[in-house]
N, C-alpha and C. Protein backbone atom coordinates (compact mmCIF):
# COMPACT_ATOMS: atom_id res chain seq x y z
N MET A 1 -23.03 8.58 -1.00
CA MET A 1 -21.70 8.70 -1.56
C MET A 1 -21.44 10.13 -2.03
N GLN A 2 -22.46 10.86 -2.41
CA GLN A 2 -22.26 12.21 -2.91
C GLN A 2 -21.72 13.14 -1.84
N GLN A 3 -21.89 12.79 -0.57
CA GLN A 3 -21.44 13.65 0.51
C GLN A 3 -19.99 13.42 0.88
N ILE A 4 -19.39 12.35 0.37
CA ILE A 4 -17.99 12.07 0.68
C ILE A 4 -17.11 12.93 -0.23
N PRO A 5 -16.30 13.78 0.37
CA PRO A 5 -15.43 14.63 -0.45
C PRO A 5 -14.34 13.80 -1.11
N ILE A 6 -14.09 14.07 -2.35
CA ILE A 6 -13.02 13.41 -3.08
C ILE A 6 -11.87 14.41 -3.19
N PRO A 7 -10.72 14.07 -2.61
CA PRO A 7 -9.60 15.01 -2.67
C PRO A 7 -9.04 15.10 -4.09
N SER A 8 -8.54 16.25 -4.43
CA SER A 8 -7.88 16.37 -5.72
C SER A 8 -6.50 15.74 -5.59
N ALA A 9 -6.04 15.19 -6.67
CA ALA A 9 -4.73 14.53 -6.64
C ALA A 9 -4.02 14.75 -7.96
N GLU A 10 -2.70 14.79 -7.88
CA GLU A 10 -1.91 14.91 -9.08
C GLU A 10 -1.91 13.57 -9.81
N VAL A 11 -1.57 13.61 -11.09
CA VAL A 11 -1.61 12.43 -11.93
C VAL A 11 -0.74 11.32 -11.35
N HIS A 12 0.46 11.65 -10.85
CA HIS A 12 1.34 10.61 -10.31
C HIS A 12 0.71 9.95 -9.08
N ALA A 13 -0.01 10.71 -8.28
CA ALA A 13 -0.66 10.15 -7.09
C ALA A 13 -1.78 9.20 -7.51
N ILE A 14 -2.54 9.59 -8.50
CA ILE A 14 -3.62 8.73 -8.99
C ILE A 14 -3.03 7.42 -9.51
N ARG A 15 -1.93 7.51 -10.24
CA ARG A 15 -1.29 6.30 -10.77
C ARG A 15 -0.78 5.39 -9.65
N GLU A 16 -0.22 5.98 -8.61
CA GLU A 16 0.27 5.18 -7.49
C GLU A 16 -0.88 4.45 -6.80
N VAL A 17 -1.99 5.17 -6.57
CA VAL A 17 -3.14 4.55 -5.92
C VAL A 17 -3.71 3.44 -6.81
N GLU A 18 -3.85 3.72 -8.09
CA GLU A 18 -4.38 2.71 -9.02
C GLU A 18 -3.48 1.48 -9.07
N GLY A 19 -2.16 1.72 -9.14
CA GLY A 19 -1.22 0.60 -9.19
C GLY A 19 -1.28 -0.24 -7.92
N MET A 20 -1.35 0.43 -6.78
CA MET A 20 -1.44 -0.30 -5.51
C MET A 20 -2.77 -1.04 -5.41
N HIS A 21 -3.82 -0.42 -5.89
CA HIS A 21 -5.13 -1.08 -5.90
C HIS A 21 -5.09 -2.34 -6.76
N ASP A 22 -4.50 -2.24 -7.93
CA ASP A 22 -4.38 -3.41 -8.81
C ASP A 22 -3.58 -4.52 -8.13
N LEU A 23 -2.52 -4.14 -7.44
CA LEU A 23 -1.69 -5.11 -6.75
C LEU A 23 -2.49 -5.84 -5.66
N VAL A 24 -3.19 -5.07 -4.83
CA VAL A 24 -3.97 -5.67 -3.75
C VAL A 24 -5.10 -6.53 -4.32
N THR A 25 -5.75 -6.06 -5.36
CA THR A 25 -6.81 -6.83 -6.00
C THR A 25 -6.27 -8.15 -6.55
N ALA A 26 -5.11 -8.10 -7.18
CA ALA A 26 -4.50 -9.32 -7.70
C ALA A 26 -4.23 -10.32 -6.59
N LEU A 27 -3.79 -9.83 -5.45
CA LEU A 27 -3.51 -10.73 -4.33
C LEU A 27 -4.80 -11.33 -3.76
N HIS A 28 -5.88 -10.57 -3.79
CA HIS A 28 -7.15 -11.08 -3.28
C HIS A 28 -7.78 -12.10 -4.23
N THR A 29 -7.53 -11.94 -5.51
CA THR A 29 -8.20 -12.80 -6.49
C THR A 29 -7.34 -13.94 -7.01
N SER A 30 -6.07 -13.94 -6.64
CA SER A 30 -5.16 -14.99 -7.12
C SER A 30 -5.60 -16.35 -6.60
N GLU A 31 -5.60 -17.33 -7.51
CA GLU A 31 -5.94 -18.70 -7.10
C GLU A 31 -4.85 -19.29 -6.22
N ARG A 32 -3.66 -18.73 -6.30
CA ARG A 32 -2.51 -19.24 -5.55
C ARG A 32 -2.18 -18.34 -4.36
N LYS A 33 -3.14 -17.55 -3.88
CA LYS A 33 -2.85 -16.51 -2.91
C LYS A 33 -2.37 -17.02 -1.55
N HIS A 34 -2.61 -18.26 -1.21
CA HIS A 34 -2.18 -18.77 0.09
C HIS A 34 -1.19 -19.92 -0.06
N ALA A 35 -0.51 -19.96 -1.18
CA ALA A 35 0.44 -21.05 -1.43
C ALA A 35 1.69 -20.92 -0.57
N HIS A 36 2.01 -19.72 -0.17
CA HIS A 36 3.21 -19.45 0.62
C HIS A 36 2.77 -19.02 2.02
N PRO A 37 3.48 -19.42 3.06
CA PRO A 37 3.05 -19.10 4.42
C PRO A 37 2.96 -17.60 4.73
N ARG A 38 3.69 -16.77 3.98
CA ARG A 38 3.68 -15.32 4.26
C ARG A 38 2.74 -14.55 3.33
N ASP A 39 1.95 -15.25 2.52
CA ASP A 39 1.08 -14.56 1.56
C ASP A 39 0.05 -13.66 2.24
N LEU A 40 -0.53 -14.11 3.33
CA LEU A 40 -1.51 -13.26 4.02
C LEU A 40 -0.85 -12.02 4.61
N LEU A 41 0.33 -12.19 5.16
CA LEU A 41 1.09 -11.06 5.69
C LEU A 41 1.42 -10.08 4.56
N MET A 42 1.83 -10.62 3.42
CA MET A 42 2.15 -9.79 2.26
C MET A 42 0.91 -9.02 1.80
N ARG A 43 -0.21 -9.70 1.68
CA ARG A 43 -1.45 -9.04 1.26
C ARG A 43 -1.81 -7.91 2.22
N ASP A 44 -1.73 -8.18 3.52
CA ASP A 44 -2.07 -7.16 4.50
C ASP A 44 -1.10 -5.97 4.45
N TYR A 45 0.16 -6.25 4.20
CA TYR A 45 1.16 -5.18 4.11
C TYR A 45 0.87 -4.27 2.92
N TYR A 46 0.58 -4.87 1.78
CA TYR A 46 0.26 -4.07 0.60
C TYR A 46 -1.06 -3.31 0.79
N GLU A 47 -2.03 -3.91 1.48
CA GLU A 47 -3.28 -3.20 1.79
C GLU A 47 -3.00 -2.02 2.70
N ASP A 48 -2.16 -2.22 3.68
CA ASP A 48 -1.79 -1.15 4.61
C ASP A 48 -1.13 -0.01 3.85
N THR A 49 -0.31 -0.35 2.88
CA THR A 49 0.35 0.67 2.06
C THR A 49 -0.68 1.43 1.22
N LEU A 50 -1.65 0.73 0.65
CA LEU A 50 -2.72 1.40 -0.09
C LEU A 50 -3.49 2.34 0.82
N ASN A 51 -3.82 1.88 2.01
CA ASN A 51 -4.52 2.75 2.97
C ASN A 51 -3.69 3.98 3.30
N ALA A 52 -2.39 3.81 3.45
CA ALA A 52 -1.52 4.95 3.75
C ALA A 52 -1.57 5.99 2.64
N LEU A 53 -1.62 5.54 1.39
CA LEU A 53 -1.74 6.48 0.27
C LEU A 53 -3.06 7.25 0.34
N VAL A 54 -4.12 6.56 0.66
CA VAL A 54 -5.43 7.21 0.77
C VAL A 54 -5.44 8.18 1.94
N TYR A 55 -4.84 7.78 3.06
CA TYR A 55 -4.74 8.70 4.19
C TYR A 55 -3.98 9.96 3.80
N GLU A 56 -2.93 9.80 3.02
CA GLU A 56 -2.16 10.98 2.62
C GLU A 56 -2.97 11.89 1.71
N LEU A 57 -3.85 11.32 0.91
CA LEU A 57 -4.73 12.15 0.08
C LEU A 57 -5.69 12.98 0.93
N TYR A 58 -6.24 12.35 1.97
CA TYR A 58 -7.25 13.01 2.79
C TYR A 58 -6.67 13.80 3.96
N LEU A 59 -5.52 13.39 4.46
CA LEU A 59 -4.94 14.03 5.64
C LEU A 59 -3.48 14.44 5.40
N PRO A 60 -3.22 15.16 4.32
CA PRO A 60 -1.82 15.45 4.00
C PRO A 60 -1.11 16.25 5.10
N ASP A 61 -1.77 17.20 5.70
CA ASP A 61 -1.12 18.01 6.72
C ASP A 61 -0.69 17.16 7.92
N ASP A 62 -1.57 16.28 8.37
CA ASP A 62 -1.25 15.42 9.52
C ASP A 62 -0.06 14.52 9.21
N LEU A 63 -0.07 13.91 8.04
CA LEU A 63 1.01 12.99 7.69
C LEU A 63 2.31 13.73 7.41
N HIS A 64 2.24 14.83 6.69
CA HIS A 64 3.47 15.56 6.35
C HIS A 64 4.10 16.18 7.58
N THR A 65 3.27 16.66 8.52
CA THR A 65 3.80 17.20 9.77
C THR A 65 4.57 16.11 10.54
N ALA A 66 4.11 14.87 10.42
CA ALA A 66 4.78 13.75 11.08
C ALA A 66 5.96 13.23 10.26
N GLY A 67 6.22 13.86 9.12
CA GLY A 67 7.35 13.45 8.27
C GLY A 67 7.05 12.25 7.40
N LEU A 68 5.77 11.98 7.17
CA LEU A 68 5.37 10.82 6.37
C LEU A 68 4.99 11.25 4.96
N GLN A 69 5.67 10.69 3.99
CA GLN A 69 5.44 10.99 2.57
C GLN A 69 5.28 9.67 1.83
N PHE A 70 4.12 9.07 1.91
CA PHE A 70 3.93 7.74 1.35
C PHE A 70 4.01 7.68 -0.16
N PHE A 71 3.56 8.72 -0.84
CA PHE A 71 3.66 8.69 -2.30
C PHE A 71 5.12 8.64 -2.73
N ASP A 72 5.97 9.38 -2.04
CA ASP A 72 7.40 9.34 -2.35
C ASP A 72 7.99 7.97 -2.03
N LEU A 73 7.61 7.40 -0.89
CA LEU A 73 8.15 6.09 -0.50
C LEU A 73 7.72 4.99 -1.45
N VAL A 74 6.46 5.02 -1.86
CA VAL A 74 5.97 3.99 -2.79
C VAL A 74 6.64 4.14 -4.15
N ALA A 75 6.79 5.37 -4.60
CA ALA A 75 7.47 5.59 -5.89
C ALA A 75 8.91 5.09 -5.82
N ALA A 76 9.59 5.36 -4.71
CA ALA A 76 10.98 4.93 -4.55
C ALA A 76 11.08 3.41 -4.43
N ALA A 77 10.03 2.76 -3.97
CA ALA A 77 10.05 1.30 -3.79
C ALA A 77 10.03 0.54 -5.11
N SER A 78 9.63 1.20 -6.18
CA SER A 78 9.58 0.56 -7.50
C SER A 78 8.85 -0.78 -7.45
N LEU A 79 7.60 -0.71 -7.05
CA LEU A 79 6.80 -1.93 -6.97
C LEU A 79 6.59 -2.53 -8.36
N PRO A 80 6.50 -3.84 -8.43
CA PRO A 80 6.26 -4.46 -9.74
C PRO A 80 4.88 -4.09 -10.27
N GLN A 81 4.80 -3.89 -11.57
CA GLN A 81 3.51 -3.63 -12.20
C GLN A 81 2.72 -4.93 -12.22
N VAL A 82 1.43 -4.83 -11.96
CA VAL A 82 0.58 -6.00 -11.92
C VAL A 82 -0.25 -6.04 -13.19
N ASP A 83 -0.17 -7.16 -13.86
CA ASP A 83 -0.99 -7.38 -15.05
C ASP A 83 -2.32 -7.96 -14.58
N ARG A 84 -3.41 -7.33 -14.95
CA ARG A 84 -4.72 -7.80 -14.49
C ARG A 84 -5.07 -9.19 -15.01
N ASP A 85 -4.51 -9.57 -16.12
CA ASP A 85 -4.73 -10.90 -16.67
C ASP A 85 -3.36 -11.46 -17.07
N PRO A 86 -2.57 -11.86 -16.08
CA PRO A 86 -1.19 -12.25 -16.38
C PRO A 86 -1.10 -13.55 -17.17
N ARG A 87 -0.13 -13.59 -18.06
CA ARG A 87 0.14 -14.83 -18.80
C ARG A 87 0.77 -15.86 -17.87
N ASP A 88 1.56 -15.38 -16.93
CA ASP A 88 2.24 -16.27 -15.99
C ASP A 88 1.96 -15.79 -14.57
N PRO A 89 0.82 -16.20 -14.00
CA PRO A 89 0.47 -15.72 -12.64
C PRO A 89 1.49 -16.13 -11.58
N ASP A 90 2.14 -17.27 -11.76
CA ASP A 90 3.14 -17.70 -10.78
C ASP A 90 4.32 -16.74 -10.76
N ALA A 91 4.76 -16.32 -11.94
CA ALA A 91 5.88 -15.38 -12.01
C ALA A 91 5.50 -14.04 -11.39
N GLN A 92 4.27 -13.59 -11.66
CA GLN A 92 3.81 -12.32 -11.09
C GLN A 92 3.77 -12.40 -9.56
N LEU A 93 3.22 -13.48 -9.04
CA LEU A 93 3.13 -13.66 -7.59
C LEU A 93 4.53 -13.78 -6.98
N SER A 94 5.43 -14.45 -7.66
CA SER A 94 6.81 -14.57 -7.17
C SER A 94 7.48 -13.20 -7.10
N ALA A 95 7.24 -12.36 -8.10
CA ALA A 95 7.82 -11.01 -8.10
C ALA A 95 7.27 -10.20 -6.93
N LEU A 96 5.98 -10.32 -6.67
CA LEU A 96 5.37 -9.61 -5.54
C LEU A 96 5.93 -10.10 -4.22
N ARG A 97 6.16 -11.40 -4.12
CA ARG A 97 6.74 -11.96 -2.89
C ARG A 97 8.16 -11.46 -2.67
N ARG A 98 8.97 -11.45 -3.72
CA ARG A 98 10.35 -10.97 -3.59
C ARG A 98 10.38 -9.51 -3.15
N LYS A 99 9.53 -8.70 -3.77
CA LYS A 99 9.50 -7.28 -3.42
C LYS A 99 9.01 -7.10 -1.99
N PHE A 100 8.02 -7.88 -1.61
CA PHE A 100 7.52 -7.80 -0.24
C PHE A 100 8.63 -8.08 0.76
N GLU A 101 9.43 -9.10 0.53
CA GLU A 101 10.49 -9.44 1.47
C GLU A 101 11.47 -8.28 1.62
N ASP A 102 11.72 -7.57 0.54
CA ASP A 102 12.58 -6.38 0.60
C ASP A 102 11.90 -5.27 1.41
N LEU A 103 10.64 -5.00 1.10
CA LEU A 103 9.90 -3.92 1.76
C LEU A 103 9.62 -4.20 3.23
N TYR A 104 9.51 -5.46 3.59
CA TYR A 104 9.15 -5.83 4.95
C TYR A 104 10.36 -5.86 5.90
N SER A 105 11.52 -5.65 5.36
CA SER A 105 12.72 -5.58 6.19
C SER A 105 12.54 -4.49 7.25
N PRO A 106 12.91 -4.77 8.50
CA PRO A 106 12.75 -3.76 9.55
C PRO A 106 13.46 -2.44 9.26
N SER A 107 14.47 -2.48 8.41
CA SER A 107 15.20 -1.26 8.10
C SER A 107 14.66 -0.51 6.89
N HIS A 108 13.64 -1.05 6.23
CA HIS A 108 13.12 -0.37 5.03
C HIS A 108 12.30 0.86 5.45
N PRO A 109 12.52 1.99 4.79
CA PRO A 109 11.81 3.23 5.15
C PRO A 109 10.28 3.13 5.05
N LEU A 110 9.77 2.33 4.12
CA LEU A 110 8.31 2.20 4.00
C LEU A 110 7.75 1.50 5.23
N ARG A 111 8.41 0.45 5.67
CA ARG A 111 7.91 -0.26 6.86
C ARG A 111 7.96 0.64 8.08
N ALA A 112 9.04 1.38 8.24
CA ALA A 112 9.14 2.30 9.38
C ALA A 112 8.04 3.36 9.32
N ALA A 113 7.75 3.86 8.13
CA ALA A 113 6.71 4.88 7.97
C ALA A 113 5.33 4.31 8.28
N LEU A 114 5.07 3.08 7.86
CA LEU A 114 3.78 2.45 8.16
C LEU A 114 3.61 2.26 9.67
N GLN A 115 4.68 1.89 10.34
CA GLN A 115 4.59 1.74 11.79
C GLN A 115 4.32 3.09 12.46
N LYS A 116 4.98 4.12 12.00
CA LYS A 116 4.77 5.46 12.56
C LYS A 116 3.36 5.96 12.27
N LEU A 117 2.85 5.65 11.09
CA LEU A 117 1.49 6.07 10.70
C LEU A 117 0.46 5.65 11.74
N HIS A 118 0.60 4.44 12.24
CA HIS A 118 -0.39 3.90 13.17
C HIS A 118 -0.29 4.47 14.58
N THR A 119 0.66 5.39 14.79
CA THR A 119 0.74 6.08 16.08
C THR A 119 0.04 7.43 16.04
N LEU A 120 -0.34 7.89 14.85
CA LEU A 120 -0.98 9.21 14.72
C LEU A 120 -2.43 9.15 15.19
N ASP A 121 -2.84 10.12 15.98
CA ASP A 121 -4.20 10.13 16.52
C ASP A 121 -5.28 10.06 15.46
N PRO A 122 -5.22 10.86 14.37
CA PRO A 122 -6.30 10.75 13.38
C PRO A 122 -6.42 9.36 12.77
N ILE A 123 -5.31 8.70 12.57
CA ILE A 123 -5.32 7.35 11.99
C ILE A 123 -5.86 6.35 13.01
N ARG A 124 -5.46 6.50 14.25
CA ARG A 124 -5.96 5.61 15.30
C ARG A 124 -7.48 5.76 15.46
N ILE A 125 -7.98 6.99 15.31
CA ILE A 125 -9.42 7.21 15.39
C ILE A 125 -10.12 6.55 14.21
N ILE A 126 -9.60 6.77 13.02
CA ILE A 126 -10.21 6.18 11.80
C ILE A 126 -10.24 4.67 11.91
N GLU A 127 -9.17 4.07 12.42
CA GLU A 127 -9.07 2.62 12.49
C GLU A 127 -9.69 2.05 13.77
N GLY A 128 -10.31 2.91 14.57
CA GLY A 128 -10.99 2.46 15.77
C GLY A 128 -10.05 1.96 16.86
N LYS A 129 -8.85 2.52 16.92
CA LYS A 129 -7.87 2.07 17.92
C LYS A 129 -7.54 3.15 18.94
N ALA A 130 -8.31 4.21 18.95
CA ALA A 130 -8.04 5.31 19.90
C ALA A 130 -8.87 5.14 21.15
């Protein structure tokens, strides 16, 4: 692990990654995570978004040259804050589902950016799709 370079990041970027990590972790650990037919799709979408943030930390030039600014898109999306020990897990999961439906719209800029991300050669190589 000592050989893996850790990119420097601004405070807002660290907060976005941490928030997205908390969101994905909540979806993985929720007892009600498969109660809705689109829950797996939602979990994968939020994971994909977290990966995009990490890619932007490590490959900013590649992503920015392609016009991809995931930190800006995630900040603009105003994702719900996830409580690690929610008093009302159903309400938290419902909020995540509602936001997902908005973000998953074909016309949403985040969804379009995620689709474009997977066409970039460095990302295709990392994901074993090249």
